């Protein structure tokens, strides 16, 4: 039980983000994930075309 009390005490010390900051950060993460996925997809597509040409 002491451990749980200490955990709760430490959680009260945490500086939590407000809703606006959380949504903003989540949007940045989502946009970056989409951008990286598009980049990786384009690189994969390009390399598959290049390898297809080299194999022929």
Protein backbone atom coordinates (compact mmCIF):
# COMPACT_ATOMS: atom_id res chain seq x y z
CA UNK A 1 0.00 0.00 0.00
CA UNK A 2 2.89 2.35 0.69
CA UNK A 3 4.01 2.03 -2.92
CA UNK A 4 0.58 3.04 -4.23
CA UNK A 5 0.50 6.07 -1.93
CA UNK A 6 3.91 7.14 -3.20
CA UNK A 7 2.80 6.67 -6.81
CA UNK A 8 -0.27 8.84 -6.25
CA UNK A 9 1.87 11.46 -4.51
CA UNK A 10 4.30 11.56 -7.46
CA UNK A 11 1.44 11.76 -9.98
CA UNK A 12 0.14 14.84 -8.20
CA UNK A 13 3.52 16.52 -8.81
CA UNK A 14 3.36 15.94 -12.57
CA UNK A 15 2.77 18.99 -14.74
CA UNK A 16 0.00 17.79 -17.06
CA UNK A 17 -0.64 19.40 -20.45
CA UNK A 18 -3.93 21.11 -21.06
CA UNK A 19 -6.35 19.86 -23.72
CA UNK A 20 -5.19 22.34 -26.37
CA UNK A 21 -1.51 21.36 -25.98
CA UNK A 22 -2.35 17.66 -26.05
CA UNK A 23 -4.41 17.97 -29.23
CA UNK A 24 -1.68 20.08 -30.86
CA UNK A 25 1.02 17.57 -30.00
CA UNK A 26 -1.12 14.67 -31.20
CA UNK A 27 -1.74 16.42 -34.53
CA UNK A 28 2.00 16.99 -35.02
CA UNK A 29 2.69 13.31 -34.35
CA UNK A 30 -0.08 12.17 -36.71
CA UNK A 31 1.10 14.47 -39.51
CA UNK A 32 4.72 13.34 -39.10
CA UNK A 33 3.70 9.68 -39.18
CA UNK A 34 1.70 10.29 -42.38
CA UNK A 35 4.62 12.18 -43.96
CA UNK A 36 7.11 9.43 -43.10
CA UNK A 37 4.71 6.74 -44.38
CA UNK A 38 4.32 8.58 -47.70
CA UNK A 39 8.10 9.02 -47.98
CA UNK A 40 8.80 5.35 -47.27
CA UNK A 41 6.09 4.32 -49.73
CA UNK A 42 7.55 6.51 -52.47
CA UNK A 43 11.08 5.22 -51.84
CA UNK A 44 9.80 1.63 -51.93
CA UNK A 45 7.91 2.28 -55.16
CA UNK A 46 10.92 3.95 -56.76
CA UNK A 47 13.31 1.20 -55.75
CA UNK A 48 10.96 -1.50 -57.01
CA UNK A 49 10.82 0.21 -60.41
CA UNK A 50 14.62 0.57 -60.52
CA UNK A 51 15.15 -3.07 -59.52
CA UNK A 52 12.57 -4.18 -62.08
CA UNK A 53 14.49 -2.37 -64.80
CA UNK A 54 17.84 -3.80 -63.64
CA UNK A 55 16.53 -7.37 -63.50
CA UNK A 56 15.20 -7.31 -67.09
